[in-house]
């Protein structure tokens, strides 16, 4: 389901377009005027925007410009009445994806919307591929003791099982293995297995044919096809449903797969890396993980140690996360080294991000970090009686989410439940602010 922001000041037209887009499987948030839509775009992360050009208050051209400031690259479709096509063309010169002339059929709008979304998806994938071909490599801060090990592993085609606690940097290791491998010029794609239901994950991995299930209105390639010639990371592989585990085992053994709704075998020219924060032996004993899949995945195990076991990495990671925004006083560095970091690297990122928001000075001191072990009472605040003084509502919301992520080790499901917001809303905000670690 794609997120669509609609701006149309005529009630009948707004309702008609909303109904057509919803029927096409999109989530629509519709507004009668541009200012409210712009404000919603700051809180929400639309994947497509559709705006009328001629409106009583803020015009469509201004809406377009403001949207592209907030979300650069966002595909925007402008709706125009007869006689204003020249203005619509000018909108395209300013960054609109396309225009559609009123009156139009719902099928025309649906087709244009799907084209815009597909164009945006392909543009993002191509940008990622170009970066990798150009030699971009993951930022390898910390994990120094693992570098020789992953370099040896990278030179092979072996499946790698990357173990470690939540937030310890397992994906960083995976990206480093890919960057040092013969497949470095190919794509690197990651799938969060814990975030999708079994049915959605199967389609995400293997793709599907048109009509394979309700809502499958077009053919779709899966990650095994999109990652051809490169590397596919299955993040938190222990969360995969046991039935789907059998299909994954077959792909790893035979190097072929079928799209959902198809019996045509396709070759999987992909190197597979997997991560987990669970003890797979225990999962096998409880009947939640297939033993044969475990042996197939556990060809070369690599363990990302928790942050508390590598204090030599702390200062370098901290400086990297701060990105020059603030400096660390010596007592802050000492405080970082003395803390146990139950949330690992992700918690370190969140702690420093919170400090950047709350500390007005250019230097962060140990007392600014508010580090404490779980179960201990929070120290008395050294700041003003009003911790939100001088902050905007947006900054307060960001602070609350950063703190909640730290408390729940970056687990988005538990964080969204604690904050009483939808997991999708949390995901959009994390993406918008570049959180997550």
Protein backbone atom coordinates (compact mmCIF):
# COMPACT_ATOMS: atom_id res chain seq x y z
CA UNK A 1 0.00 0.00 0.00
CA UNK A 2 1.50 3.33 -1.09
CA UNK A 3 1.05 6.57 0.85
CA UNK A 4 -0.52 9.35 -1.25
CA UNK A 5 -0.98 12.99 -0.23
CA UNK A 6 -3.86 14.72 -2.09
CA UNK A 7 -4.52 18.48 -2.28
CA UNK A 8 -7.78 19.52 -3.96
CA UNK A 9 -10.06 22.38 -2.83
CA UNK A 10 -13.21 21.21 -4.63
CA UNK A 11 -15.07 18.78 -2.29
CA UNK A 12 -16.64 16.63 -4.99
CA UNK A 13 -13.34 16.27 -6.89
CA UNK A 14 -11.43 15.59 -3.66
CA UNK A 15 -13.84 12.83 -2.64
CA UNK A 16 -13.85 11.33 -6.14
CA UNK A 17 -10.05 11.19 -6.43
CA UNK A 18 -9.71 9.86 -2.87
CA UNK A 19 -12.19 7.08 -3.60
CA UNK A 20 -10.42 6.14 -6.87
CA UNK A 21 -6.99 6.01 -5.25
CA UNK A 22 -8.22 4.06 -2.22
CA UNK A 23 -9.89 1.58 -4.54
CA UNK A 24 -6.52 1.22 -6.28
CA UNK A 25 -4.92 0.09 -3.02
CA UNK A 26 -3.37 3.37 -1.86
CA UNK A 27 -3.53 5.01 1.57
CA UNK A 28 -4.77 8.55 0.93
CA UNK A 29 -4.64 11.65 3.12
CA UNK A 30 -6.67 14.39 1.44
CA UNK A 31 -6.67 18.14 2.18
CA UNK A 32 -8.72 21.07 0.95
CA UNK A 33 -5.86 23.57 1.08
CA UNK A 34 -2.10 23.51 0.67
CA UNK A 35 -0.92 24.75 4.07
CA UNK A 36 -2.54 21.83 5.94
CA UNK A 37 -1.15 19.38 3.40
CA UNK A 38 2.36 20.83 3.81
CA UNK A 39 2.10 20.52 7.59
CA UNK A 40 1.01 16.87 7.24
CA UNK A 41 3.94 16.20 4.90
CA UNK A 42 6.30 17.30 7.68
CA UNK A 43 4.86 14.65 10.02
CA UNK A 44 4.10 11.96 7.45
CA UNK A 45 6.27 10.47 4.69
CA UNK A 46 4.15 10.35 1.50
CA UNK A 47 5.44 8.30 -1.40
CA UNK A 48 3.40 10.29 -3.94
CA UNK A 49 1.64 13.67 -3.92
CA UNK A 50 -1.20 14.82 -6.17
CA UNK A 51 -2.20 18.49 -6.18
CA UNK A 52 -4.55 20.73 -8.09
CA UNK A 53 -2.88 23.75 -9.69
CA UNK A 54 -5.60 26.39 -9.33
CA UNK A 55 -6.78 26.70 -5.72
CA UNK A 56 -8.27 29.54 -3.72
CA UNK A 57 -5.48 29.87 -1.15
CA UNK A 58 -2.04 28.34 -1.70
CA UNK A 59 -1.61 27.45 -5.38
CA UNK A 60 -0.42 24.08 -6.64
CA UNK A 61 2.93 25.52 -7.80
CA UNK A 62 3.71 26.67 -4.27
CA UNK A 63 2.53 23.34 -2.86
CA UNK A 64 4.90 21.57 -5.28
CA UNK A 65 7.87 23.71 -4.25
CA UNK A 66 7.24 23.26 -0.51
CA UNK A 67 6.76 19.50 -0.83
CA UNK A 68 10.03 19.11 -2.71
CA UNK A 69 11.83 21.11 -0.01
CA UNK A 70 10.56 18.69 2.64
CA UNK A 71 10.91 15.51 0.58
CA UNK A 72 13.41 16.03 -2.29
CA UNK A 73 12.66 13.66 -5.15
CA UNK A 74 9.05 13.05 -4.10
CA UNK A 75 7.00 12.30 -7.26
CA UNK A 76 4.25 14.94 -7.59
CA UNK A 77 1.39 14.81 -10.08
CA UNK A 78 -0.43 18.08 -10.82
CA UNK A 79 -4.08 18.16 -11.87
CA UNK A 80 -4.98 20.94 -14.29
CA UNK A 81 -8.15 22.15 -15.98
CA UNK A 82 -8.41 22.90 -19.69
CA UNK A 83 -6.45 26.01 -20.64
CA UNK A 84 -3.76 25.75 -17.98
CA UNK A 85 -1.59 23.07 -19.60
CA UNK A 86 1.22 25.61 -20.04
CA UNK A 87 1.28 26.10 -16.28
CA UNK A 88 1.36 22.34 -15.79
CA UNK A 89 4.36 22.07 -18.09
CA UNK A 90 6.06 24.80 -16.04
CA UNK A 91 5.33 22.71 -12.93
CA UNK A 92 7.13 19.77 -14.52
CA UNK A 93 10.13 22.00 -15.17
CA UNK A 94 10.13 22.79 -11.46
CA UNK A 95 10.17 19.14 -10.48
CA UNK A 96 6.67 17.68 -10.92
CA UNK A 97 6.59 14.11 -12.23
CA UNK A 98 3.70 14.69 -14.66
CA UNK A 99 0.31 16.34 -15.04
CA UNK A 100 -3.19 15.08 -15.77
CA UNK A 101 -5.86 17.22 -17.41
CA UNK A 102 -9.38 17.43 -15.98
CA UNK A 103 -11.76 15.80 -16.50
CA UNK A 104 -10.09 12.40 -16.39
CA UNK A 105 -11.09 8.80 -15.78
CA UNK A 106 -10.11 7.11 -12.53
CA UNK A 107 -8.20 4.47 -14.52
CA UNK A 108 -6.02 7.21 -16.09
CA UNK A 109 -5.12 8.61 -12.68
CA UNK A 110 -4.46 5.14 -11.27
CA UNK A 111 -2.12 4.31 -14.15
CA UNK A 112 -0.23 7.60 -13.82
CA UNK A 113 0.08 7.16 -10.06
CA UNK A 114 1.52 3.66 -10.49
CA UNK A 115 3.96 4.93 -13.12
CA UNK A 116 5.14 7.66 -10.75
CA UNK A 117 5.61 5.24 -7.87
CA UNK A 118 7.45 2.72 -10.05
CA UNK A 119 9.65 5.45 -11.52
CA UNK A 120 10.56 6.62 -8.00
CA UNK A 121 11.35 3.06 -6.88
CA UNK A 122 13.60 2.41 -9.87
CA UNK A 123 15.34 5.78 -9.43
CA UNK A 124 16.19 4.95 -5.81
CA UNK A 125 17.43 1.48 -6.76
CA UNK A 126 19.57 2.89 -9.60
CA UNK A 127 21.03 5.49 -7.26
CA UNK A 128 21.98 2.73 -4.85
CA UNK A 129 23.54 0.68 -7.63
CA UNK A 130 25.50 3.63 -8.99
CA UNK A 131 26.90 4.34 -5.55
CA UNK A 132 28.04 0.74 -5.16
CA UNK A 133 29.56 0.59 -8.66
CA UNK A 134 31.39 3.85 -7.93
CA UNK A 135 33.08 2.13 -5.05
CA UNK A 136 31.12 3.49 -2.09
CA UNK A 137 31.80 1.37 0.97
CA UNK A 138 30.08 1.13 4.32
CA UNK A 139 31.42 3.28 7.12
CA UNK A 140 33.55 0.84 9.09
CA UNK A 141 33.85 2.45 12.47
CA UNK A 142 34.58 -0.03 15.27
CA UNK A 143 34.64 -3.82 15.02
CA UNK A 144 38.38 -3.60 14.31
CA UNK A 145 38.99 -7.10 15.66
CA UNK A 146 36.64 -8.58 13.07
CA UNK A 147 38.14 -7.00 9.97
CA UNK A 148 40.65 -9.71 9.13
CA UNK A 149 38.00 -12.36 9.69
CA UNK A 150 35.41 -10.77 7.40
CA UNK A 151 38.01 -10.05 4.72
CA UNK A 152 38.81 -13.78 4.55
CA UNK A 153 35.11 -14.64 4.49
CA UNK A 154 34.36 -11.99 1.87
CA UNK A 155 36.64 -13.58 -0.69
CA UNK A 156 34.45 -16.71 -0.77
CA UNK A 157 30.88 -17.37 -1.95
CA UNK A 158 29.94 -19.05 1.34
CA UNK A 159 26.73 -18.27 3.18
CA UNK A 160 27.60 -16.34 6.34
CA UNK A 161 25.66 -16.45 9.62
CA UNK A 162 26.27 -13.20 11.51
CA UNK A 163 25.50 -13.50 15.21
CA UNK A 164 25.22 -10.80 17.84
CA UNK A 165 23.02 -8.89 20.22
CA UNK A 166 20.49 -6.34 19.01
CA UNK A 167 22.24 -3.17 17.91
CA UNK A 168 25.75 -4.65 17.87
CA UNK A 169 26.43 -3.82 14.21
CA UNK A 170 25.52 -7.05 12.39
CA UNK A 171 24.36 -5.22 9.28
CA UNK A 172 27.60 -3.19 9.22
CA UNK A 173 29.50 -6.49 9.13
CA UNK A 174 27.25 -7.74 6.32
CA UNK A 175 27.83 -4.62 4.25
CA UNK A 176 31.58 -4.86 4.86
CA UNK A 177 31.59 -8.48 3.65
CA UNK A 178 29.76 -7.44 0.51
CA UNK A 179 32.07 -4.44 -0.09
CA UNK A 180 35.17 -6.66 0.10
CA UNK A 181 33.70 -9.47 -2.01
CA UNK A 182 33.93 -10.18 -5.76
CA UNK A 183 30.24 -9.15 -5.87
CA UNK A 184 30.94 -5.60 -4.65
CA UNK A 185 29.90 -4.10 -8.00
CA UNK A 186 26.50 -5.80 -7.67
CA UNK A 187 23.57 -4.69 -5.51
CA UNK A 188 23.35 -5.14 -1.76
CA UNK A 189 19.76 -5.60 -0.59
CA UNK A 190 18.51 -6.23 2.95
CA UNK A 191 15.20 -7.65 4.13
CA UNK A 192 13.99 -7.31 7.71
CA UNK A 193 12.38 -10.70 8.22
CA UNK A 194 10.83 -9.66 11.53
CA UNK A 195 8.88 -6.79 9.98
CA UNK A 196 6.75 -8.79 7.52
CA UNK A 197 4.12 -11.49 7.82
CA UNK A 198 4.86 -14.88 6.25
CA UNK A 199 2.77 -14.14 3.14
CA UNK A 200 4.26 -10.71 2.56
CA UNK A 201 7.79 -11.95 3.20
CA UNK A 202 7.43 -14.75 0.65
CA UNK A 203 6.33 -12.23 -1.99
CA UNK A 204 9.10 -9.84 -0.92
CA UNK A 205 11.77 -12.53 -1.32
CA UNK A 206 10.58 -14.39 -4.40
CA UNK A 207 8.22 -11.95 -6.15
CA UNK A 208 4.79 -12.81 -7.48
CA UNK A 209 2.80 -13.08 -10.69
CA UNK A 210 -0.20 -10.94 -11.50
CA UNK A 211 -3.31 -12.46 -9.89
CA UNK A 212 -1.31 -14.72 -7.55
CA UNK A 213 -3.36 -13.44 -4.60
CA UNK A 214 -5.86 -10.71 -3.76
CA UNK A 215 -4.27 -7.35 -4.50
CA UNK A 216 -1.58 -8.76 -6.80
CA UNK A 217 -2.62 -6.55 -9.72
CA UNK A 218 0.75 -6.69 -11.45
CA UNK A 219 3.81 -8.86 -11.72
CA UNK A 220 6.51 -8.04 -9.17
CA UNK A 221 10.13 -9.07 -8.86
CA UNK A 222 11.36 -10.25 -5.47
CA UNK A 223 14.62 -9.52 -3.71
CA UNK A 224 16.30 -12.67 -5.05
CA UNK A 225 15.83 -11.30 -8.57
CA UNK A 226 16.65 -7.68 -7.72
CA UNK A 227 19.86 -8.73 -5.96
CA UNK A 228 21.11 -10.79 -8.91
CA UNK A 229 24.89 -10.69 -9.12
CA UNK A 230 25.12 -9.18 -5.65
CA UNK A 231 24.33 -9.93 -2.02
CA UNK A 232 21.05 -10.45 -0.16
CA UNK A 233 20.96 -9.94 3.60
CA UNK A 234 18.20 -11.71 5.54
CA UNK A 235 18.09 -9.70 8.77
CA UNK A 236 16.79 -11.61 11.83
CA UNK A 237 16.37 -14.87 9.92
CA UNK A 238 15.08 -16.62 13.07
CA UNK A 239 11.76 -14.77 12.64
CA UNK A 240 10.92 -16.51 9.35
CA UNK A 241 7.87 -18.81 9.45
CA UNK A 242 8.81 -22.53 9.42
CA UNK A 243 6.94 -23.17 6.15
CA UNK A 244 8.86 -20.38 4.45
CA UNK A 245 12.08 -21.73 5.98
CA UNK A 246 11.61 -24.87 3.86
CA UNK A 247 11.41 -22.76 0.69
CA UNK A 248 14.48 -20.78 1.69
CA UNK A 249 16.38 -24.02 2.28
CA UNK A 250 15.54 -25.14 -1.24
CA UNK A 251 16.81 -21.86 -2.71
CA UNK A 252 20.09 -22.19 -0.84
CA UNK A 253 20.56 -25.82 -1.89
CA UNK A 254 19.37 -25.69 -5.51
CA UNK A 255 19.97 -22.01 -6.29
CA UNK A 256 16.54 -21.77 -7.91
CA UNK A 257 13.16 -20.37 -6.83
CA UNK A 258 9.69 -19.67 -8.20
CA UNK A 259 7.65 -16.52 -7.93
CA UNK A 260 4.43 -16.81 -5.95
CA UNK A 261 1.79 -18.02 -8.41
CA UNK A 262 4.32 -19.46 -10.88
CA UNK A 263 5.85 -22.90 -11.45
CA UNK A 264 8.68 -21.56 -13.61
CA UNK A 265 12.05 -22.01 -11.85
CA UNK A 266 14.37 -19.01 -11.85
CA UNK A 267 18.08 -19.03 -11.13
CA UNK A 268 19.23 -17.30 -7.94
CA UNK A 269 22.66 -15.80 -8.64
CA UNK A 270 22.86 -14.24 -5.19
CA UNK A 271 25.13 -14.55 -2.19
CA UNK A 272 23.08 -14.87 1.00
CA UNK A 273 24.10 -13.43 4.35
CA UNK A 274 21.89 -13.80 7.43
CA UNK A 275 21.80 -12.25 10.88
CA UNK A 276 20.14 -13.24 14.14
CA UNK A 277 20.21 -12.12 17.76
CA UNK A 278 18.76 -15.44 18.95
CA UNK A 279 20.36 -18.76 19.88
CA UNK A 280 19.30 -20.86 16.89
CA UNK A 281 20.04 -24.11 18.76
CA UNK A 282 17.43 -23.12 21.34
CA UNK A 283 15.01 -22.16 18.57
CA UNK A 284 15.52 -25.61 17.02
CA UNK A 285 14.77 -27.33 20.34
CA UNK A 286 11.55 -25.32 20.64
CA UNK A 287 10.49 -26.29 17.11
CA UNK A 288 10.69 -22.76 15.78
CA UNK A 289 13.68 -23.22 13.46
CA UNK A 290 14.57 -26.03 11.06
CA UNK A 291 17.75 -27.87 11.91
CA UNK A 292 18.57 -28.58 8.25
CA UNK A 293 18.30 -24.87 7.46
CA UNK A 294 20.54 -24.07 10.43
CA UNK A 295 23.28 -26.36 9.10
CA UNK A 296 22.91 -24.82 5.63
CA UNK A 297 23.20 -21.28 7.01
CA UNK A 298 25.94 -21.97 9.53
CA UNK A 299 28.66 -22.47 6.92
CA UNK A 300 30.78 -19.60 8.21
CA UNK A 301 29.62 -18.04 11.51
CA UNK A 302 30.83 -14.56 12.42
CA UNK A 303 30.00 -12.93 15.75
CA UNK A 304 29.70 -9.18 16.21
CA UNK A 305 30.72 -8.64 19.85
CA UNK A 306 28.60 -6.36 22.07
CA UNK A 307 29.81 -2.81 22.53
CA UNK A 308 30.73 -3.40 26.20
CA UNK A 309 33.42 -5.84 25.02
CA UNK A 310 35.09 -3.34 22.70
CA UNK A 311 35.62 -0.08 24.62
CA UNK A 312 38.38 0.85 22.17
CA UNK A 313 35.67 1.49 19.56
CA UNK A 314 33.59 3.88 21.69
CA UNK A 315 35.31 7.19 21.01
CA UNK A 316 35.56 6.61 17.26
CA UNK A 317 31.89 5.64 17.03
CA UNK A 318 30.85 8.63 19.12
CA UNK A 319 32.78 11.08 16.96
CA UNK A 320 31.29 9.49 13.84
CA UNK A 321 27.72 9.77 15.16
CA UNK A 322 28.18 13.39 16.27
CA UNK A 323 29.33 14.37 12.75
CA UNK A 324 31.00 17.54 14.02
CA UNK A 325 27.81 18.94 15.54
CA UNK A 326 29.24 18.90 19.09
CA UNK A 327 32.44 17.91 20.91
CA UNK A 328 32.87 15.39 23.72
CA UNK A 329 34.52 16.55 26.96
CA UNK A 330 36.98 14.08 28.59
CA UNK A 331 34.48 13.31 31.36
CA UNK A 332 31.90 12.42 28.69
CA UNK A 333 34.32 9.96 27.09
CA UNK A 334 34.97 8.44 30.53
CA UNK A 335 31.22 8.12 31.12
CA UNK A 336 30.78 6.37 27.76
CA UNK A 337 33.53 3.88 28.62
CA UNK A 338 32.13 3.10 32.07
CA UNK A 339 28.57 2.44 30.86
CA UNK A 340 27.57 -1.16 30.01
CA UNK A 341 25.59 -0.36 26.81
CA UNK A 342 22.77 -2.95 26.98
CA UNK A 343 21.46 -1.51 23.69
CA UNK A 344 24.90 -1.61 22.04
CA UNK A 345 25.78 0.67 19.12
CA UNK A 346 22.17 1.62 18.49
CA UNK A 347 21.80 2.84 22.08
CA UNK A 348 25.04 4.85 21.77
CA UNK A 349 23.64 6.57 18.68
CA UNK A 350 20.36 7.38 20.45
CA UNK A 351 22.10 8.70 23.58
CA UNK A 352 24.30 11.03 21.52
CA UNK A 353 21.40 12.14 19.33
CA UNK A 354 19.41 13.01 22.46
CA UNK A 355 22.38 14.98 23.82
CA UNK A 356 22.68 16.92 20.55
CA UNK A 357 19.02 17.94 20.87
CA UNK A 358 19.02 18.85 24.56
CA UNK A 359 22.49 20.30 25.21
CA UNK A 360 22.66 23.96 24.12
CA UNK A 361 26.46 24.22 24.47
CA UNK A 362 28.99 23.09 21.85
CA UNK A 363 30.54 20.53 24.22
CA UNK A 364 28.81 17.50 25.76
CA UNK A 365 29.83 16.61 29.33
CA UNK A 366 29.30 13.36 31.19
CA UNK A 367 26.39 14.81 33.19
CA UNK A 368 24.61 15.65 29.91
CA UNK A 369 24.42 12.00 28.87
CA UNK A 370 22.12 10.81 31.70
CA UNK A 371 23.53 7.31 31.48
CA UNK A 372 22.13 4.80 33.93
CA UNK A 373 21.80 1.04 34.17
CA UNK A 374 18.32 -0.41 33.89
CA UNK A 375 16.38 -0.63 37.09
CA UNK A 376 18.24 2.29 38.68
CA UNK A 377 16.44 5.48 39.46
CA UNK A 378 17.09 8.38 37.15
CA UNK A 379 19.52 10.96 38.53
CA UNK A 380 18.17 14.36 39.39
CA UNK A 381 18.09 16.53 36.30
CA UNK A 382 20.87 19.07 36.13
CA UNK A 383 19.01 21.00 33.47
CA UNK A 384 16.19 23.48 33.98
CA UNK A 385 12.93 22.48 35.66
CA UNK A 386 11.29 22.49 32.25
CA UNK A 387 13.19 19.95 30.10
CA UNK A 388 11.29 21.10 27.01
CA UNK A 389 12.09 24.79 27.35
CA UNK A 390 13.00 26.27 23.99
CA UNK A 391 12.11 23.14 22.03
CA UNK A 392 9.57 22.95 19.22
CA UNK A 393 6.89 20.27 19.25
CA UNK A 394 8.78 18.52 16.45
CA UNK A 395 11.97 18.44 18.57
CA UNK A 396 10.07 17.20 21.63
CA UNK A 397 8.53 14.39 19.56
CA UNK A 398 11.93 13.45 18.19
CA UNK A 399 13.40 13.45 21.70
CA UNK A 400 10.62 11.15 22.96
CA UNK A 401 11.17 8.69 20.11
CA UNK A 402 14.97 8.71 20.53
CA UNK A 403 14.57 8.00 24.26
CA UNK A 404 11.99 5.25 23.70
CA UNK A 405 14.15 3.54 21.09
CA UNK A 406 17.05 3.54 23.56
CA UNK A 407 14.86 2.06 26.32
CA UNK A 408 13.68 -0.75 24.05
CA UNK A 409 17.02 -1.58 22.39
CA UNK A 410 15.83 -0.22 19.06
CA UNK A 411 12.92 -2.70 18.89
CA UNK A 412 10.33 -0.81 16.85
CA UNK A 413 7.38 -3.00 17.79
CA UNK A 414 7.92 -2.45 21.52
CA UNK A 415 8.75 1.23 20.99
CA UNK A 416 5.55 1.89 19.01
CA UNK A 417 3.51 0.08 21.67
CA UNK A 418 5.13 2.12 24.47
CA UNK A 419 4.49 5.41 22.62
CA UNK A 420 0.99 4.26 21.57
CA UNK A 421 1.57 5.06 17.91
CA UNK A 422 1.29 2.86 14.85
CA UNK A 423 4.45 0.98 13.88
CA UNK A 424 4.20 2.44 10.37
CA UNK A 425 4.08 5.97 11.84
CA UNK A 426 7.16 5.19 13.93
CA UNK A 427 8.97 3.80 10.88
CA UNK A 428 8.19 6.96 8.88
CA UNK A 429 9.51 9.20 11.65
CA UNK A 430 12.68 7.11 12.05
CA UNK A 431 13.27 7.39 8.30
CA UNK A 432 12.57 11.13 8.30
CA UNK A 433 15.02 11.90 11.12
CA UNK A 434 17.65 9.32 10.11
CA UNK A 435 17.34 7.41 13.38
CA UNK A 436 17.70 3.68 13.88
CA UNK A 437 21.46 3.16 14.13
